[in-house]
Amino acid sequence: MAGIAHNQGFEAMIIGGVRDHVHALLVLPLTLPLARALQFLKGSSCKWINETGEPFAWQEGYGAFRVSALQTADVVGYIQNQRTHHEKKSFEQDFTEFLKRYGVTYKPAYVLGWL
């Protein structure tokens, strides 16, 4: 995925994944909308995985948060340690707690595919 980012003109500072999700810290040029960058990452990686003979599809949506340069080290640390972190707390718990902590209004029916 970092190679895809590089080929499309943006930087993936770090990408880390576990069984059911991926975290990525991206640096985007002002001329590249986030949705387009994620379209590149998800579309190209899905195509590559499927070409290896493994059936794969990303979920339809994504969560994205802007961080300041001062938060970069914390975000890198979180991504590096997500496997250990998610042994203690599920991604679903972590994500919804994050949304609540920062006052993000959401509908459970549209978060994580909950119906």
C-alpha atoms as a PDB file:
ATOM      1  CA  MET A   1       0.000   0.000   0.000  1.00  0.00           C
ATOM      2  CA  ALA A   2       2.913   2.348   0.659  1.00  0.00           C
ATOM      3  CA  GLY A   3       4.067   1.713  -2.918  1.00  0.00           C
ATOM      4  CA  ILE A   4       0.606   2.531  -4.237  1.00  0.00           C
ATOM      5  CA  ALA A   5       0.656   5.799  -2.290  1.00  0.00           C
ATOM      6  CA  HIS A   6       4.095   6.695  -3.622  1.00  0.00           C
ATOM      7  CA  ASN A   7       3.056   5.926  -7.209  1.00  0.00           C
ATOM      8  CA  GLN A   8       0.000   8.161  -6.826  1.00  0.00           C
ATOM      9  CA  GLY A   9       1.946  11.141  -5.445  1.00  0.00           C
ATOM     10  CA  PHE A  10       1.316  10.959  -1.715  1.00  0.00           C
ATOM     11  CA  GLU A  11       3.130   9.507   1.280  1.00  0.00           C
ATOM     12  CA  ALA A  12       2.172   6.673   3.592  1.00  0.00           C
ATOM     13  CA  MET A  13       4.243   7.371   6.711  1.00  0.00           C
ATOM     14  CA  ILE A  14       3.162   4.067   8.244  1.00  0.00           C
ATOM     15  CA  ILE A  15       0.567   1.412   7.453  1.00  0.00           C
ATOM     16  CA  GLY A  16      -0.311  -1.425   9.775  1.00  0.00           C
ATOM     17  CA  GLY A  17      -3.026  -4.004   9.670  1.00  0.00           C
ATOM     18  CA  VAL A  18      -4.627  -6.701  11.744  1.00  0.00           C
ATOM     19  CA  ARG A  19      -7.224  -9.329  10.870  1.00  0.00           C
ATOM     20  CA  ASP A  20     -10.152  -6.991  10.278  1.00  0.00           C
ATOM     21  CA  HIS A  21      -8.806  -3.498   9.573  1.00  0.00           C
ATOM     22  CA  VAL A  22      -5.877  -1.310   8.556  1.00  0.00           C
ATOM     23  CA  HIS A  23      -4.556   1.936   9.990  1.00  0.00           C
ATOM     24  CA  ALA A  24      -2.564   4.301   7.792  1.00  0.00           C
ATOM     25  CA  LEU A  25      -0.938   7.635   8.491  1.00  0.00           C
ATOM     26  CA  LEU A  26      -0.965   9.494   5.185  1.00  0.00           C
ATOM     27  CA  VAL A  27       0.486  12.813   4.071  1.00  0.00           C
ATOM     28  CA  LEU A  28      -1.605  14.145   1.197  1.00  0.00           C
ATOM     29  CA  PRO A  29      -0.840  17.060  -1.091  1.00  0.00           C
ATOM     30  CA  LEU A  30      -3.422  19.839  -0.936  1.00  0.00           C
ATOM     31  CA  THR A  31      -4.554  18.961  -4.456  1.00  0.00           C
ATOM     32  CA  LEU A  32      -5.508  15.357  -3.598  1.00  0.00           C
ATOM     33  CA  PRO A  33      -8.825  14.791  -1.808  1.00  0.00           C
ATOM     34  CA  LEU A  34      -8.799  12.120   0.889  1.00  0.00           C
ATOM     35  CA  ALA A  35     -11.555  10.146  -0.847  1.00  0.00           C
ATOM     36  CA  ARG A  36      -9.444   9.910  -4.000  1.00  0.00           C
ATOM     37  CA  ALA A  37      -6.353   8.789  -2.063  1.00  0.00           C
ATOM     38  CA  LEU A  38      -8.365   6.047  -0.368  1.00  0.00           C
ATOM     39  CA  GLN A  39      -9.865   5.043  -3.692  1.00  0.00           C
ATOM     40  CA  PHE A  40      -6.320   4.513  -4.982  1.00  0.00           C
ATOM     41  CA  LEU A  41      -5.265   2.532  -1.894  1.00  0.00           C
ATOM     42  CA  LYS A  42      -8.334   0.356  -1.612  1.00  0.00           C
ATOM     43  CA  GLY A  43      -8.860  -0.219  -5.339  1.00  0.00           C
ATOM     44  CA  SER A  44      -5.272  -1.021  -6.232  1.00  0.00           C
ATOM     45  CA  SER A  45      -4.623  -3.220  -3.196  1.00  0.00           C
ATOM     46  CA  CYS A  46      -7.874  -5.124  -3.733  1.00  0.00           C
ATOM     47  CA  LYS A  47      -6.972  -5.713  -7.369  1.00  0.00           C
ATOM     48  CA  TRP A  48      -3.487  -6.942  -6.417  1.00  0.00           C
ATOM     49  CA  ILE A  49      -4.793  -9.330  -3.724  1.00  0.00           C
ATOM     50  CA  ASN A  50      -7.421 -10.741  -6.073  1.00  0.00           C
ATOM     51  CA  GLU A  51      -4.755 -11.282  -8.743  1.00  0.00           C
ATOM     52  CA  THR A  52      -2.900 -13.533  -6.280  1.00  0.00           C
ATOM     53  CA  GLY A  53      -5.922 -15.839  -6.315  1.00  0.00           C
ATOM     54  CA  GLU A  54      -7.305 -14.811  -2.946  1.00  0.00           C
ATOM     55  CA  PRO A  55     -10.870 -13.462  -3.007  1.00  0.00           C
ATOM     56  CA  PHE A  56     -10.868 -10.118  -1.208  1.00  0.00           C
ATOM     57  CA  ALA A  57     -12.961  -6.962  -0.905  1.00  0.00           C
ATOM     58  CA  TRP A  58     -12.688  -3.910   1.316  1.00  0.00           C
ATOM     59  CA  GLN A  59     -15.709  -2.670   3.226  1.00  0.00           C
ATOM     60  CA  GLU A  60     -17.514   0.188   1.526  1.00  0.00           C
ATOM     61  CA  GLY A  61     -16.622   2.999   3.910  1.00  0.00           C
ATOM     62  CA  TYR A  62     -13.703   4.228   6.004  1.00  0.00           C
ATOM     63  CA  GLY A  63     -12.929   6.371   9.013  1.00  0.00           C
ATOM     64  CA  ALA A  64     -10.480   9.242   8.639  1.00  0.00           C
ATOM     65  CA  PHE A  65      -9.136  11.747  11.121  1.00  0.00           C
ATOM     66  CA  ARG A  66      -6.812  14.693  10.653  1.00  0.00           C
ATOM     67  CA  VAL A  67      -3.875  14.921  13.049  1.00  0.00           C
ATOM     68  CA  SER A  68      -1.395  17.695  13.671  1.00  0.00           C
ATOM     69  CA  ALA A  69       2.340  17.317  13.210  1.00  0.00           C
ATOM     70  CA  LEU A  70       2.652  17.269  17.007  1.00  0.00           C
ATOM     71  CA  GLN A  71       0.493  14.099  17.123  1.00  0.00           C
ATOM     72  CA  THR A  72       2.511  12.207  14.504  1.00  0.00           C
ATOM     73  CA  ALA A  73       4.697  10.266  16.961  1.00  0.00           C
ATOM     74  CA  ASP A  74       1.634   9.164  18.978  1.00  0.00           C
ATOM     75  CA  VAL A  75      -0.175   7.998  15.840  1.00  0.00           C
ATOM     76  CA  VAL A  76       2.893   6.104  14.605  1.00  0.00           C
ATOM     77  CA  GLY A  77       3.171   4.418  18.013  1.00  0.00           C
ATOM     78  CA  TYR A  78      -0.508   3.477  17.966  1.00  0.00           C
ATOM     79  CA  ILE A  79      -0.213   1.924  14.508  1.00  0.00           C
ATOM     80  CA  GLN A  80       2.977   0.057  15.441  1.00  0.00           C
ATOM     81  CA  ASN A  81       1.284  -1.383  18.530  1.00  0.00           C
ATOM     82  CA  GLN A  82      -2.232  -1.976  17.224  1.00  0.00           C
ATOM     83  CA  ARG A  83      -1.978  -5.785  17.400  1.00  0.00           C
ATOM     84  CA  THR A  84      -1.215  -5.627  21.145  1.00  0.00           C
ATOM     85  CA  HIS A  85      -3.729  -2.831  21.657  1.00  0.00           C
ATOM     86  CA  HIS A  86      -6.545  -4.792  20.006  1.00  0.00           C
ATOM     87  CA  GLU A  87      -5.822  -7.852  22.136  1.00  0.00           C
ATOM     88  CA  LYS A  88      -7.137  -5.744  25.033  1.00  0.00           C
ATOM     89  CA  LYS A  89      -9.881  -3.825  23.227  1.00  0.00           C
ATOM     90  CA  SER A  90     -11.692  -4.663  20.015  1.00  0.00           C
ATOM     91  CA  PHE A  91     -11.519  -2.340  17.041  1.00  0.00           C
ATOM     92  CA  GLU A  92     -15.268  -1.735  17.374  1.00  0.00           C
ATOM     93  CA  GLN A  93     -14.901  -0.669  21.022  1.00  0.00           C
ATOM     94  CA  ASP A  94     -11.872   1.466  20.287  1.00  0.00           C
ATOM     95  CA  PHE A  95     -13.411   3.226  17.284  1.00  0.00           C
ATOM     96  CA  THR A  96     -16.747   4.047  18.942  1.00  0.00           C
ATOM     97  CA  GLU A  97     -14.983   5.261  22.108  1.00  0.00           C
ATOM     98  CA  PHE A  98     -12.813   7.499  19.937  1.00  0.00           C
ATOM     99  CA  LEU A  99     -15.879   8.949  18.192  1.00  0.00           C
ATOM    100  CA  LYS A 100     -17.594   9.630  21.524  1.00  0.00           C
ATOM    101  CA  ARG A 101     -14.469  11.114  23.156  1.00  0.00           C
ATOM    102  CA  TYR A 102     -14.102  13.681  20.356  1.00  0.00           C
ATOM    103  CA  GLY A 103     -17.810  14.456  20.066  1.00  0.00           C
ATOM    104  CA  VAL A 104     -18.317  12.933  16.620  1.00  0.00           C
ATOM    105  CA  THR A 105     -22.009  12.352  15.984  1.00  0.00           C
ATOM    106  CA  TYR A 106     -22.666   9.008  14.337  1.00  0.00           C
ATOM    107  CA  LYS A 107     -25.449   6.549  13.703  1.00  0.00           C
ATOM    108  CA  PRO A 108     -24.611   2.961  14.691  1.00  0.00           C
ATOM    109  CA  ALA A 109     -26.382   1.715  11.547  1.00  0.00           C
ATOM    110  CA  TYR A 110     -23.683   3.433   9.453  1.00  0.00           C
ATOM    111  CA  VAL A 111     -20.636   2.583  11.569  1.00  0.00           C
ATOM    112  CA  LEU A 112     -18.784  -0.684  11.080  1.00  0.00           C
ATOM    113  CA  GLY A 113     -21.679  -2.138   9.097  1.00  0.00           C
ATOM    114  CA  TRP A 114     -23.913  -2.380  12.150  1.00  0.00           C
ATOM    115  CA  LEU A 115     -27.594  -2.721  11.341  1.00  0.00           C
END
